Amino acid sequence: MKSPNRLRRLLVITYSYFFITIALIAAFSLFVLNEQILNYFADIAHENGTVQTSETDKIMDGKNHQNNEQIFYKMLLQTLLLFLSLLMIAVYIFGKWTASRLTTPLRSIADGIQDIARGQYNKRLKFKASYELAQIQDDFNAMAEQLERTEKEKQHLEENKQRMLVDLSHDLKTPITTIRGYIEAMELGLINDEERRQRILRIISDKAELVSELIDDIFELSRLDSPDYPFDFQIADIAEFTREIAAEYYEAFAEKNFMFHFEIPKGEVIFPFNYTWLYRAVSNILSNALKYNPPGTTVRLKLLTTEKGIEIHIQDDGIGIPLAIKENIFDAFVRGDQSRKSDGGTGLGLAIAKQVIEKHGGNIKLTTNGETSFILFLPKSSDLFFKK
């Protein structure tokens, strides 16, 4: 296991090596100076060979002594220059090494922080360093990745928000414009035929109902988006719950010549869930299958129990979902037929279904391998089930 004090220990070892290197350089320089002095005096002794005793010799000894002193200082200066040269080389080597292990990583960290402050969340640190600085690098890169992901999600939410506002404006304006047009025509007396009048009144009623549904769906989606919205769970028989939905939609599918099959366990399946909201989620998907597919389509509803929880499968072999919208099919105002028709539904059904399943702590998946299949997964154990 790596010690959290490794950087401090590394610095202590580095400075210890530095001082030992200086001591070795000093010792080497003194050794060189000593060798020069010994060699010089050995040469002098060899040249003289005899002991001088005359006055002239004494004078020569004085001059030699002065000359020897100058030579000694010269040797000392050369040794000092050698010491300083070796010291500069040592300082340069240790400086480069320290910079590569400390200064360069710290500079990279500082530059990375400045990049993050400027909003450049795609920047990553990449350097080799000791444990602590490497840990800072890993934490920084993880933070930058999280910020980049958050920024992308923020941009995506902003784009969805703008698109939702445009779609909401369109979906509200279109039926309201139709209603206003027919009402103005009736007020001006342009519609005198009673049969046509009744048909227009039905159109106005349908458009008004669509606007009402849209407003209700928006209100429900906003409630589900709120983290403070109470989402209570009841422990009940989810098999009976599924049978009730199947019974309700059986006649609706039969009227449009759909083949409707369901597989539901015969016994009780006791499970904690929110009856009202789960009913809304399942019915939204079944309603879409009924609304967007042609007669003759086969729809299957299946309830499965697994070790991890409950799965509700809703499948159909109808027209399918275009690949262009598969990735964002659960976003608000996305419709399977890619149309912006005012009578094509609110476009919020799958968005509400996704929120409901996530409120249960589960997830919803879409597969389109020959058949359109929605799998609603509810986990068996979750703290959410016991929240009040």
Protein backbone atom coordinates (compact mmCIF):
# COMPACT_ATOMS: atom_id res chain seq x y z
CA MET A 1 0.00 0.00 0.00
CA LYS A 2 1.38 3.42 -0.95
CA SER A 3 2.04 5.77 1.91
CA PRO A 4 0.30 9.17 1.90
CA ASN A 5 3.67 10.71 3.06
CA ARG A 6 5.57 9.47 0.06
CA LEU A 7 6.09 12.95 -1.41
CA ARG A 8 7.59 14.26 1.82
CA ARG A 9 9.84 11.21 2.08
CA LEU A 10 10.88 11.71 -1.55
CA LEU A 11 11.85 15.33 -0.87
CA VAL A 12 13.87 14.34 2.20
CA ILE A 13 15.72 11.67 0.23
CA THR A 14 16.31 14.08 -2.67
CA TYR A 15 17.82 16.78 -0.46
CA SER A 16 19.89 14.18 1.37
CA TYR A 17 21.34 13.00 -1.92
CA PHE A 18 21.95 16.62 -2.88
CA PHE A 19 23.94 17.39 0.27
CA ILE A 20 25.86 14.12 -0.02
CA THR A 21 26.71 15.06 -3.61
CA ILE A 22 27.97 18.49 -2.45
CA ALA A 23 30.08 16.82 0.25
CA LEU A 24 31.54 14.43 -2.31
CA ILE A 25 32.32 17.30 -4.68
CA ALA A 26 34.02 19.20 -1.86
CA ALA A 27 36.01 16.13 -0.84
CA PHE A 28 37.02 15.49 -4.42
CA SER A 29 38.10 19.13 -4.85
CA LEU A 30 40.22 19.00 -1.66
CA PHE A 31 41.71 15.72 -2.81
CA VAL A 32 42.68 17.30 -6.15
CA LEU A 33 44.18 20.32 -4.35
CA ASN A 34 46.15 18.10 -1.99
CA GLU A 35 47.47 16.03 -4.87
CA GLN A 36 48.59 19.16 -6.74
CA ILE A 37 50.41 20.49 -3.67
CA LEU A 38 52.13 17.19 -2.94
CA ASN A 39 53.18 16.77 -6.55
CA TYR A 40 54.50 20.32 -6.70
CA PHE A 41 56.66 20.07 -3.60
CA ALA A 42 57.86 16.63 -4.59
CA ASP A 43 59.07 18.11 -7.87
CA ILE A 44 60.82 20.96 -6.02
CA ALA A 45 62.55 18.59 -3.64
CA HIS A 46 63.67 16.48 -6.55
CA GLU A 47 65.09 19.52 -8.40
CA ASN A 48 67.02 20.91 -5.42
CA GLY A 49 68.57 17.63 -4.36
CA THR A 50 70.85 19.31 -1.70
CA VAL A 51 70.45 21.60 1.28
CA GLN A 52 71.32 25.25 0.59
CA THR A 53 73.37 27.16 3.20
CA SER A 54 74.90 30.27 1.53
CA GLU A 55 73.45 33.80 1.67
CA THR A 56 72.59 33.60 -2.01
CA ASP A 57 70.75 30.41 -1.42
CA LYS A 58 68.80 32.06 1.39
CA ILE A 59 67.78 34.86 -0.97
CA MET A 60 66.73 32.28 -3.54
CA ASP A 61 64.76 30.46 -0.88
CA GLY A 62 62.85 33.69 -0.16
CA LYS A 63 62.01 34.12 -3.81
CA ASN A 64 61.05 30.47 -4.08
CA HIS A 65 58.83 30.83 -1.02
CA GLN A 66 57.04 33.79 -2.62
CA ASN A 67 56.74 31.87 -5.86
CA ASN A 68 55.43 28.82 -4.02
CA GLU A 69 52.79 30.95 -2.31
CA GLN A 70 51.56 32.28 -5.68
CA ILE A 71 51.47 28.80 -7.10
CA PHE A 72 49.51 27.61 -4.02
CA TYR A 73 46.91 30.33 -4.46
CA LYS A 74 46.72 29.47 -8.12
CA MET A 75 46.11 25.82 -7.24
CA LEU A 76 43.53 26.90 -4.67
CA LEU A 77 41.75 29.07 -7.26
CA GLN A 78 41.75 26.22 -9.78
CA THR A 79 40.35 23.88 -7.14
CA LEU A 80 37.67 26.43 -6.24
CA LEU A 81 36.71 26.78 -9.89
CA LEU A 82 36.56 22.99 -10.17
CA PHE A 83 34.35 22.85 -7.06
CA LEU A 84 32.03 25.56 -8.37
CA SER A 85 31.80 23.91 -11.81
CA LEU A 86 30.93 20.54 -10.32
CA LEU A 87 28.49 22.23 -7.93
CA MET A 88 26.73 24.02 -10.82
CA ILE A 89 26.45 20.74 -12.71
CA ALA A 90 24.99 19.04 -9.63
CA VAL A 91 22.55 21.90 -9.03
CA TYR A 92 21.46 21.78 -12.69
CA ILE A 93 20.90 18.00 -12.60
CA PHE A 94 18.99 18.10 -9.31
CA GLY A 95 17.04 21.16 -10.48
CA LYS A 96 15.98 19.41 -13.67
CA TRP A 97 15.02 16.31 -11.73
CA THR A 98 13.05 18.29 -9.13
CA ALA A 99 11.30 20.27 -11.87
CA SER A 100 10.27 17.07 -13.63
CA ARG A 101 8.88 15.61 -10.39
CA LEU A 102 7.42 18.73 -8.76
CA THR A 103 7.50 22.00 -10.71
CA THR A 104 6.19 20.63 -14.01
CA PRO A 105 3.26 18.74 -12.41
CA LEU A 106 2.36 21.78 -10.30
CA ARG A 107 2.47 23.99 -13.40
CA SER A 108 0.24 21.51 -15.24
CA ILE A 109 -2.20 21.49 -12.32
CA ALA A 110 -2.28 25.30 -12.26
CA ASP A 111 -2.90 25.43 -16.03
CA GLY A 112 -5.61 22.80 -15.68
CA ILE A 113 -7.37 24.83 -12.98
CA GLN A 114 -7.26 27.90 -15.22
CA ASP A 115 -8.76 25.86 -18.09
CA ILE A 116 -11.58 24.67 -15.84
CA ALA A 117 -12.18 28.26 -14.66
CA ARG A 118 -12.53 29.29 -18.34
CA GLY A 119 -15.08 26.53 -18.90
CA GLN A 120 -12.78 24.21 -20.88
CA TYR A 121 -13.94 21.02 -19.19
CA ASN A 122 -12.43 18.74 -21.84
CA LYS A 123 -8.88 19.37 -20.59
CA ARG A 124 -7.10 16.50 -18.82
CA LEU A 125 -3.83 16.33 -16.88
CA LYS A 126 -1.17 13.89 -18.02
CA PHE A 127 2.16 13.77 -16.22
CA LYS A 128 4.32 11.39 -14.23
CA ALA A 129 4.76 12.24 -10.57
CA SER A 130 4.86 10.84 -7.06
CA TYR A 131 1.85 9.34 -5.31
CA GLU A 132 0.30 12.55 -3.95
CA LEU A 133 0.58 14.52 -7.20
CA ALA A 134 -0.57 11.49 -9.19
CA GLN A 135 -3.58 11.27 -6.86
CA ILE A 136 -4.29 14.97 -7.45
CA GLN A 137 -4.07 14.33 -11.20
CA ASP A 138 -6.55 11.43 -11.00
CA ASP A 139 -8.96 13.45 -8.83
CA PHE A 140 -8.64 16.47 -11.13
CA ASN A 141 -9.34 14.39 -14.24
CA ALA A 142 -12.33 12.75 -12.54
CA MET A 143 -13.63 16.20 -11.55
CA ALA A 144 -13.10 17.56 -15.08
CA GLU A 145 -14.90 14.54 -16.55
CA GLN A 146 -17.81 15.04 -14.17
CA LEU A 147 -17.98 18.76 -15.00
CA GLU A 148 -17.84 18.00 -18.73
CA ARG A 149 -20.63 15.46 -18.37
CA THR A 150 -22.68 17.89 -16.29
CA GLU A 151 -22.13 20.66 -18.84
CA LYS A 152 -23.24 18.38 -21.69
CA GLU A 153 -26.31 17.37 -19.70
CA LYS A 154 -27.02 21.04 -19.02
CA GLN A 155 -26.74 21.88 -22.71
CA HIS A 156 -28.95 18.92 -23.55
CA LEU A 157 -31.54 20.06 -21.02
CA GLU A 158 -31.41 23.59 -22.42
CA GLU A 159 -31.90 22.27 -25.94
CA ASN A 160 -34.78 20.09 -24.74
CA LYS A 161 -36.25 23.05 -22.91
CA GLN A 162 -36.15 25.21 -26.02
CA ARG A 163 -37.57 22.41 -28.14
CA MET A 164 -40.29 21.73 -25.57
CA LEU A 165 -41.28 25.38 -25.54
CA VAL A 166 -41.50 25.42 -29.33
CA ASP A 167 -43.44 22.16 -29.44
CA LEU A 168 -45.71 23.24 -26.59
CA SER A 169 -46.45 26.50 -28.36
CA HIS A 170 -47.23 24.58 -31.56
CA ASP A 171 -49.37 21.94 -29.86
CA LEU A 172 -51.39 24.55 -28.02
CA LYS A 173 -51.65 27.03 -30.87
CA THR A 174 -52.77 24.54 -33.55
CA PRO A 175 -55.96 23.25 -31.88
CA ILE A 176 -56.79 26.67 -30.46
CA THR A 177 -56.46 28.21 -33.93
CA THR A 178 -58.76 25.51 -35.30
CA ILE A 179 -61.32 26.14 -32.54
CA ARG A 180 -61.22 29.90 -33.08
CA GLY A 181 -61.61 29.49 -36.83
CA TYR A 182 -64.70 27.31 -36.56
CA ILE A 183 -66.27 29.50 -33.86
CA GLU A 184 -65.75 32.64 -35.98
CA ALA A 185 -67.28 30.85 -38.97
CA MET A 186 -70.32 29.89 -36.88
CA GLU A 187 -70.66 33.39 -35.46
CA LEU A 188 -70.62 34.86 -38.97
CA GLY A 189 -73.36 32.44 -40.01
CA LEU A 190 -71.16 30.69 -42.57
CA ILE A 191 -72.26 27.27 -41.36
CA ASN A 192 -76.01 26.81 -41.78
CA ASP A 193 -76.23 23.08 -42.38
CA GLU A 194 -77.13 21.33 -39.11
CA GLU A 195 -75.22 18.15 -39.93
CA ARG A 196 -72.09 20.12 -40.73
CA ARG A 197 -72.66 22.23 -37.64
CA GLN A 198 -72.77 19.11 -35.42
CA ARG A 199 -69.62 17.74 -37.10
CA ILE A 200 -67.76 21.01 -36.43
CA LEU A 201 -68.95 21.03 -32.83
CA ARG A 202 -67.47 17.54 -32.42
CA ILE A 203 -64.19 18.76 -33.91
CA ILE A 204 -64.16 21.70 -31.51
CA SER A 205 -64.89 19.35 -28.62
CA ASP A 206 -62.05 17.00 -29.67
CA LYS A 207 -59.60 19.89 -30.00
CA ALA A 208 -60.60 21.27 -26.60
CA GLU A 209 -60.16 17.81 -25.06
CA LEU A 210 -56.71 17.53 -26.65
CA VAL A 211 -55.68 20.89 -25.17
CA SER A 212 -57.01 19.78 -21.80
CA GLU A 213 -55.05 16.50 -22.04
CA LEU A 214 -51.91 18.36 -22.99
CA ILE A 215 -52.20 20.71 -20.02
CA ASP A 216 -52.88 17.77 -17.69
CA ASP A 217 -49.86 15.86 -19.03
CA ILE A 218 -47.59 18.87 -18.63
CA PHE A 219 -48.83 19.33 -15.07
CA GLU A 220 -48.25 15.65 -14.26
CA LEU A 221 -44.79 15.63 -15.82
CA SER A 222 -43.81 18.72 -13.83
CA ARG A 223 -45.03 17.04 -10.63
CA LEU A 224 -42.98 13.93 -11.37
CA ASP A 225 -39.90 16.06 -12.10
CA SER A 226 -40.12 17.67 -8.68
CA PRO A 227 -37.92 15.87 -6.09
CA ASP A 228 -40.29 17.00 -3.33
CA TYR A 229 -43.36 15.44 -4.90
CA PRO A 230 -44.68 12.67 -2.56
CA PHE A 231 -44.60 9.29 -4.28
CA ASP A 232 -46.19 6.72 -1.98
CA PHE A 233 -46.12 2.96 -2.42
CA GLN A 234 -48.73 0.39 -1.55
CA ILE A 235 -48.09 -3.33 -1.11
CA ALA A 236 -50.61 -4.99 -3.41
CA ASP A 237 -51.11 -7.76 -5.96
CA ILE A 238 -49.38 -6.51 -9.10
CA ALA A 239 -50.68 -9.55 -11.04
CA GLU A 240 -54.27 -8.47 -10.40
CA PHE A 241 -53.24 -4.92 -11.30
CA THR A 242 -51.96 -6.16 -14.68
CA ARG A 243 -55.11 -8.23 -15.26
CA GLU A 244 -57.25 -5.12 -14.71
CA ILE A 245 -55.29 -3.20 -17.35
CA ALA A 246 -55.54 -6.13 -19.78
CA ALA A 247 -59.30 -6.33 -19.26
CA GLU A 248 -59.73 -2.59 -19.85
CA TYR A 249 -57.77 -2.57 -23.12
CA TYR A 250 -59.07 -5.88 -24.48
CA GLU A 251 -62.21 -4.34 -26.00
CA ALA A 252 -60.32 -1.31 -27.34
CA PHE A 253 -57.87 -3.56 -29.21
CA ALA A 254 -60.67 -5.78 -30.48
CA GLU A 255 -62.53 -2.78 -31.93
CA LYS A 256 -59.48 -1.90 -34.09
CA ASN A 257 -58.93 -5.55 -35.10
CA PHE A 258 -55.79 -5.91 -33.03
CA MET A 259 -54.63 -9.28 -31.71
CA PHE A 260 -54.13 -8.81 -27.96
CA HIS A 261 -52.32 -11.49 -25.92
CA PHE A 262 -51.31 -11.34 -22.29
CA GLU A 263 -49.31 -13.59 -19.97
CA ILE A 264 -49.94 -12.97 -16.29
CA PRO A 265 -49.19 -15.32 -13.37
CA LYS A 266 -52.35 -16.96 -12.04
CA GLY A 267 -51.46 -16.56 -8.39
CA GLU A 268 -50.85 -13.43 -6.35
CA VAL A 269 -47.67 -11.41 -6.84
CA ILE A 270 -47.41 -9.16 -3.82
CA PHE A 271 -45.22 -6.17 -4.57
CA PRO A 272 -44.88 -2.54 -3.40
CA PHE A 273 -45.81 -0.01 -6.12
CA ASN A 274 -47.78 3.17 -6.73
CA TYR A 275 -51.03 1.93 -8.27
CA THR A 276 -52.16 5.20 -9.86
CA TRP A 277 -48.86 6.20 -11.46
CA LEU A 278 -47.87 2.70 -12.61
CA TYR A 279 -51.29 2.37 -14.21
CA ARG A 280 -50.63 5.64 -16.05
CA ALA A 281 -47.22 4.43 -17.26
CA VAL A 282 -48.48 1.09 -18.61
CA SER A 283 -51.63 2.58 -20.14
CA ASN A 284 -49.58 5.28 -21.91
CA ILE A 285 -47.54 2.63 -23.73
CA LEU A 286 -50.60 0.52 -24.57
CA SER A 287 -52.42 3.63 -25.82
CA ASN A 288 -49.49 4.47 -28.10
CA ALA A 289 -49.56 0.94 -29.53
CA LEU A 290 -53.28 1.34 -30.19
CA LYS A 291 -52.94 4.84 -31.63
CA TYR A 292 -49.97 4.51 -33.99
CA ASN A 293 -50.27 0.93 -35.33
CA PRO A 294 -52.56 -0.32 -38.14
CA PRO A 295 -55.31 -2.93 -37.77
CA GLY A 296 -54.03 -6.50 -37.58
CA THR A 297 -51.18 -5.61 -35.23
CA THR A 298 -50.41 -8.10 -32.47
CA VAL A 299 -49.87 -6.62 -29.00
CA ARG A 300 -48.53 -8.63 -26.06
CA LEU A 301 -48.62 -7.76 -22.37
CA LYS A 302 -46.50 -9.92 -20.08
CA LEU A 303 -45.75 -9.84 -16.34
CA LEU A 304 -42.57 -11.60 -15.21
CA THR A 305 -41.09 -12.10 -11.76
CA THR A 306 -37.31 -12.32 -11.46
CA GLU A 307 -34.80 -12.55 -8.63
CA LYS A 308 -34.16 -8.82 -8.88
CA GLY A 309 -37.75 -7.65 -9.19
CA ILE A 310 -40.70 -7.34 -11.56
CA GLU A 311 -40.68 -6.91 -15.34
CA ILE A 312 -43.65 -5.72 -17.39
CA HIS A 313 -43.18 -6.40 -21.13
CA ILE A 314 -45.28 -4.58 -23.73
CA GLN A 315 -44.61 -5.71 -27.31
CA ASP A 316 -46.15 -5.11 -30.71
CA ASP A 317 -45.30 -6.04 -34.30
CA GLY A 318 -46.65 -2.83 -35.79
CA ILE A 319 -44.95 -0.07 -37.76
CA GLY A 320 -42.07 0.19 -35.29
CA ILE A 321 -40.15 3.24 -34.12
CA PRO A 322 -37.84 5.12 -36.54
CA LEU A 323 -34.14 4.91 -35.69
CA ALA A 324 -33.94 8.71 -35.94
CA ILE A 325 -35.95 9.14 -32.74
CA LYS A 326 -35.08 5.91 -30.93
CA GLU A 327 -32.43 7.57 -28.76
CA ASN A 328 -34.74 10.35 -27.54
CA ILE A 329 -38.07 8.55 -27.66
CA PHE A 330 -38.54 9.12 -23.92
CA ASP A 331 -38.07 12.87 -24.22
CA ALA A 332 -41.08 15.15 -24.00
CA PHE A 333 -43.06 15.89 -27.20
CA VAL A 334 -41.41 13.09 -29.19
CA ARG A 335 -43.91 11.07 -31.22
CA GLY A 336 -43.40 7.73 -32.87
CA ASP A 337 -44.62 8.98 -36.23
CA GLN A 338 -42.27 12.02 -36.10
CA SER A 339 -45.25 14.24 -36.91
CA ARG A 340 -46.36 17.46 -35.31
CA LYS A 341 -50.02 16.80 -35.93
CA SER A 342 -52.33 18.40 -33.43
CA ASP A 343 -54.38 15.22 -33.21
CA GLY A 344 -51.45 12.87 -32.77
CA GLY A 345 -51.42 12.87 -28.98
CA THR A 346 -49.58 15.08 -26.53
CA GLY A 347 -46.16 13.49 -27.07
CA LEU A 348 -45.67 13.25 -23.29
CA GLY A 349 -46.84 9.69 -22.66
CA LEU A 350 -43.46 7.96 -22.78
CA ALA A 351 -41.76 10.80 -20.90
CA ILE A 352 -44.30 10.36 -18.08
CA ALA A 353 -43.87 6.55 -18.18
CA LYS A 354 -40.10 6.90 -17.85
CA GLN A 355 -40.43 9.26 -14.88
CA VAL A 356 -42.91 6.92 -13.17
CA ILE A 357 -40.65 3.88 -13.51
CA GLU A 358 -37.62 5.85 -12.28
CA LYS A 359 -39.67 7.03 -9.29
CA HIS A 360 -40.10 3.33 -8.49
CA GLY A 361 -36.30 3.00 -8.54
CA GLY A 362 -36.37 1.05 -11.79
CA ASN A 363 -35.78 1.69 -15.48
CA ILE A 364 -37.51 1.38 -18.82
CA LYS A 365 -35.85 -0.03 -21.95
CA LEU A 366 -36.80 -0.05 -25.60
CA THR A 367 -35.76 -2.73 -28.08
CA THR A 368 -36.70 -2.82 -31.77
CA ASN A 369 -35.38 -6.13 -33.10
CA GLY A 370 -38.29 -6.96 -35.42
CA GLU A 371 -40.81 -5.99 -32.75
CA THR A 372 -41.19 -2.89 -30.64
CA SER A 373 -40.70 -3.97 -27.04
CA PHE A 374 -40.86 -1.87 -23.88
CA ILE A 375 -39.51 -3.50 -20.70
CA LEU A 376 -40.52 -1.81 -17.44
CA PHE A 377 -38.32 -3.03 -14.58
CA LEU A 378 -39.22 -2.49 -10.92
CA PRO A 379 -36.57 -3.58 -8.38
CA LYS A 380 -37.57 -5.95 -5.61
CA SER A 381 -35.85 -4.11 -2.78
CA SER A 382 -35.51 -0.36 -2.64
CA ASP A 383 -35.59 2.26 0.09
CA LEU A 384 -38.05 4.16 -2.10
CA PHE A 385 -40.77 1.68 -1.28
CA PHE A 386 -40.81 2.69 2.33
CA LYS A 387 -40.83 6.44 1.90
CA LYS A 388 -44.00 8.19 2.95
